[in-house]
Amino acid sequence: MLPELRPEAQDLIARVKDFIEQDCIPSEHIFHDQIEEGENRWNSYPEVINELKDKAKSKGLWNLFLPESEFGAGLTNYEYAHLAEVMGTCSVASEAMNCAAPDTGNMEVIARYGNEKHQEEWLQPLLDGEIRSAFAMTEPGVGSSDATNMQATAVLDGDEYVINGEKWWTSGAGDPRCKILVFMAVTNPDAAKHQRHSMM
């Protein structure tokens, strides 16, 4: 039997549904029209997204994916799964609430493992929705559905890492607002299969 959702999660789901129905769905066609109108569709982004972000922030529907109440809504993964299902009904909803991949996973990595400088330089602008990020995992020649297959390496050389490998289908890299890339690399090749990789 599945657990019942806490009242605060139920309330949030209802508010997200209302926001999607009242604001996001009516904006989908505007989003697509603005993409087509841009002089260079790869160097611009529809203004309607910024308008939706402002509305989401004002309604308290921002950064809902982070379980830590310091940065997010303090939801469990189970509760957030219900929100993600609702957000999936509209193509602009996730980004409007700053809950779009790959930013969500990248923010979690930086929130958990980043030092103060990383959090100031990268996490805060991501949390504020000012920048976007990219995630480089998949590689040619290996089954990328299993992350333990990745073969690109990162070797410490003095005080910096030397990265060697090839990635493709880097999520988020084509977004003109992308300012940080998280790269999955083998840093400990002799470790157990699930402990060999790091996010750089």
Protein backbone atom coordinates (compact mmCIF):
# COMPACT_ATOMS: atom_id res chain seq x y z
CA MET A 1 0.00 0.00 0.00
CA LEU A 2 1.31 3.43 -0.93
CA PRO A 3 1.65 6.05 1.79
CA GLU A 4 -0.74 8.96 1.87
CA LEU A 5 0.60 12.35 0.91
CA ARG A 6 1.09 14.89 3.67
CA PRO A 7 -1.45 17.76 3.61
CA GLU A 8 1.24 20.27 2.57
CA ALA A 9 2.15 18.08 -0.42
CA GLN A 10 -1.50 17.73 -1.42
CA ASP A 11 -1.89 21.51 -1.23
CA LEU A 12 1.21 22.03 -3.36
CA ILE A 13 -0.03 19.57 -5.99
CA ALA A 14 -3.35 21.43 -6.21
CA ARG A 15 -1.56 24.78 -6.55
CA VAL A 16 0.75 23.41 -9.25
CA LYS A 17 -2.26 22.05 -11.17
CA ASP A 18 -3.94 25.47 -11.02
CA PHE A 19 -0.76 27.24 -12.17
CA ILE A 20 -0.36 24.86 -15.09
CA GLU A 21 -4.00 25.15 -16.15
CA GLN A 22 -4.26 28.92 -15.71
CA ASP A 23 -0.80 30.08 -16.79
CA CYS A 24 1.39 27.42 -18.40
CA ILE A 25 -0.95 25.68 -20.85
CA PRO A 26 -2.24 28.99 -22.28
CA SER A 27 1.42 30.04 -22.76
CA GLU A 28 2.59 26.95 -24.68
CA HIS A 29 1.62 28.35 -28.09
CA ILE A 30 3.25 31.69 -27.22
CA PHE A 31 6.46 29.83 -26.31
CA HIS A 32 6.52 28.04 -29.67
CA ASP A 33 5.63 31.22 -31.59
CA GLN A 34 8.44 33.13 -29.87
CA ILE A 35 10.96 30.41 -30.75
CA GLU A 36 9.97 30.68 -34.42
CA GLU A 37 10.08 34.51 -34.37
CA GLY A 38 13.66 34.74 -33.09
CA GLU A 39 16.33 35.82 -35.57
CA ASN A 40 18.57 33.03 -34.39
CA ARG A 41 16.64 30.37 -32.48
CA TRP A 42 19.85 29.03 -30.90
CA ASN A 43 20.91 32.36 -29.39
CA SER A 44 17.64 33.56 -27.93
CA TYR A 45 14.96 32.25 -25.65
CA PRO A 46 11.23 33.02 -25.46
CA GLU A 47 10.43 35.84 -23.05
CA VAL A 48 7.23 34.06 -21.99
CA ILE A 49 9.37 31.66 -19.92
CA ASN A 50 10.68 34.57 -17.83
CA GLU A 51 7.12 35.79 -17.33
CA LEU A 52 6.04 32.33 -16.16
CA LYS A 53 9.05 32.10 -13.84
CA ASP A 54 8.07 35.39 -12.20
CA LYS A 55 4.52 34.12 -11.70
CA ALA A 56 5.73 30.80 -10.27
CA LYS A 57 8.03 32.59 -7.82
CA SER A 58 5.21 34.88 -6.68
CA LYS A 59 2.99 31.85 -6.06
CA GLY A 60 5.64 29.95 -4.07
CA LEU A 61 6.03 27.32 -6.81
CA TRP A 62 9.81 27.55 -7.22
CA ASN A 63 12.60 24.97 -6.81
CA LEU A 64 10.14 22.35 -5.65
CA PHE A 65 12.45 19.43 -6.47
CA LEU A 66 15.07 19.98 -3.77
CA PRO A 67 14.32 17.96 -0.64
CA GLU A 68 16.38 20.27 1.58
CA SER A 69 14.07 22.93 2.95
CA GLU A 70 17.01 25.38 2.89
CA PHE A 71 16.89 25.44 -0.92
CA GLY A 72 13.64 23.71 -1.90
CA ALA A 73 10.18 22.74 -0.76
CA GLY A 74 11.28 19.98 1.63
CA LEU A 75 9.29 17.29 -0.20
CA THR A 76 10.11 13.60 -0.17
CA ASN A 77 10.95 11.92 -3.48
CA TYR A 78 7.56 10.21 -3.33
CA GLU A 79 5.78 13.56 -2.94
CA TYR A 80 7.83 15.22 -5.65
CA ALA A 81 7.05 12.33 -8.03
CA HIS A 82 3.39 13.38 -7.88
CA LEU A 83 4.35 16.95 -8.74
CA ALA A 84 6.56 15.78 -11.61
CA GLU A 85 3.65 13.81 -13.01
CA VAL A 86 1.50 16.95 -13.00
CA MET A 87 4.29 19.09 -14.51
CA GLY A 88 4.66 16.55 -17.30
CA THR A 89 1.27 17.54 -18.68
CA CYS A 90 2.66 20.80 -20.11
CA SER A 91 5.87 21.35 -22.07
CA VAL A 92 6.79 24.62 -20.32
CA ALA A 93 5.72 23.82 -16.75
CA SER A 94 8.93 22.29 -15.41
CA GLU A 95 11.13 25.15 -16.53
CA ALA A 96 8.56 27.71 -15.40
CA MET A 97 8.95 26.36 -11.84
CA ASN A 98 12.73 25.86 -12.13
CA CYS A 99 12.29 22.09 -12.00
CA ALA A 100 13.69 21.16 -15.42
CA ALA A 101 16.49 18.74 -16.20
CA PRO A 102 19.42 18.82 -16.30
CA ASP A 103 19.39 21.73 -13.85
CA THR A 104 17.58 19.77 -11.15
CA GLY A 105 20.21 17.04 -10.90
CA ASN A 106 23.08 19.47 -11.30
CA MET A 107 21.74 21.70 -8.53
CA GLU A 108 21.42 18.70 -6.24
CA VAL A 109 25.07 17.79 -6.88
CA ILE A 110 26.29 21.34 -6.23
CA ALA A 111 24.06 21.75 -3.15
CA ARG A 112 25.35 18.52 -1.64
CA TYR A 113 29.01 18.51 -2.69
CA GLY A 114 29.92 22.01 -3.83
CA ASN A 115 32.01 24.27 -1.65
CA GLU A 116 30.96 27.80 -0.72
CA LYS A 117 32.52 29.27 -3.88
CA HIS A 118 30.73 26.73 -6.12
CA GLN A 119 27.44 27.42 -4.42
CA GLU A 120 27.85 31.18 -4.75
CA GLU A 121 29.05 31.11 -8.37
CA TRP A 122 26.85 28.34 -9.78
CA LEU A 123 24.17 27.12 -7.38
CA GLN A 124 22.64 30.47 -6.49
CA PRO A 125 22.24 31.63 -10.12
CA LEU A 126 20.71 28.22 -10.96
CA LEU A 127 18.36 28.43 -7.97
CA ASP A 128 17.38 31.94 -9.06
CA GLY A 129 16.70 30.74 -12.63
CA GLU A 130 19.23 33.20 -14.05
CA ILE A 131 21.37 30.57 -15.83
CA ARG A 132 21.00 27.01 -17.11
CA SER A 133 23.37 24.05 -16.94
CA ALA A 134 24.38 21.00 -18.96
CA PHE A 135 25.11 17.38 -18.07
CA ALA A 136 27.63 15.30 -20.01
CA MET A 137 27.28 11.57 -19.40
CA THR A 138 26.47 9.55 -22.53
CA GLU A 139 29.33 8.29 -24.67
CA PRO A 140 29.59 6.69 -28.11
CA GLY A 141 30.48 3.01 -28.17
CA VAL A 142 29.07 2.05 -24.76
CA GLY A 143 25.58 1.37 -23.46
CA SER A 144 24.83 4.72 -21.88
CA SER A 145 21.64 3.63 -20.15
CA ASP A 146 23.93 2.16 -17.47
CA ALA A 147 26.03 4.99 -16.08
CA THR A 148 28.69 2.57 -14.82
CA ASN A 149 29.67 1.94 -18.46
CA MET A 150 31.05 5.47 -18.92
CA GLN A 151 34.76 5.47 -19.79
CA ALA A 152 35.87 9.12 -19.95
CA THR A 153 38.51 9.79 -17.29
CA ALA A 154 39.56 12.67 -15.08
CA VAL A 155 43.07 12.42 -13.63
CA LEU A 156 44.41 14.79 -10.99
CA ASP A 157 47.52 16.58 -12.26
CA GLY A 158 48.83 19.00 -9.66
CA ASP A 159 45.90 21.16 -8.62
CA GLU A 160 43.70 20.50 -11.67
CA TYR A 161 42.07 17.58 -13.43
CA VAL A 162 42.93 16.45 -16.95
CA ILE A 163 39.80 15.11 -18.66
CA ASN A 164 40.14 12.58 -21.46
CA GLY A 165 37.17 11.11 -23.29
CA GLU A 166 34.28 11.78 -25.63
CA LYS A 167 30.71 12.69 -24.74
CA TRP A 168 27.66 13.16 -26.90
CA TRP A 169 24.04 14.14 -26.41
CA THR A 170 25.06 16.57 -23.67
CA SER A 171 21.76 17.64 -22.12
CA GLY A 172 21.35 21.41 -21.97
CA ALA A 173 24.52 22.32 -23.89
CA GLY A 174 22.58 23.99 -26.72
CA ASP A 175 20.78 26.44 -24.44
CA PRO A 176 22.21 29.97 -24.83
CA ARG A 177 21.78 30.47 -21.06
CA CYS A 178 24.00 27.46 -20.22
CA LYS A 179 26.93 28.60 -18.05
CA ILE A 180 28.08 25.40 -16.29
CA LEU A 181 28.56 21.81 -17.41
CA VAL A 182 28.70 18.81 -15.07
CA PHE A 183 30.87 16.06 -16.58
CA MET A 184 30.71 12.42 -15.46
CA ALA A 185 34.18 10.83 -15.42
CA VAL A 186 36.04 7.83 -14.05
CA THR A 187 38.24 9.14 -11.25
CA ASN A 188 38.91 5.89 -9.39
CA PRO A 189 39.21 3.05 -11.95
CA ASP A 190 40.17 0.45 -9.33
CA ALA A 191 37.11 1.03 -7.14
CA ALA A 192 33.92 -1.03 -7.11
CA LYS A 193 31.71 -0.54 -10.18
CA HIS A 194 29.36 1.96 -8.52
CA GLN A 195 32.16 3.96 -6.87
CA ARG A 196 34.43 4.66 -9.86
CA HIS A 197 32.84 7.84 -11.19
CA SER A 198 32.71 11.48 -10.12
CA MET A 199 30.72 14.48 -11.26
CA MET A 200 33.16 17.22 -12.25
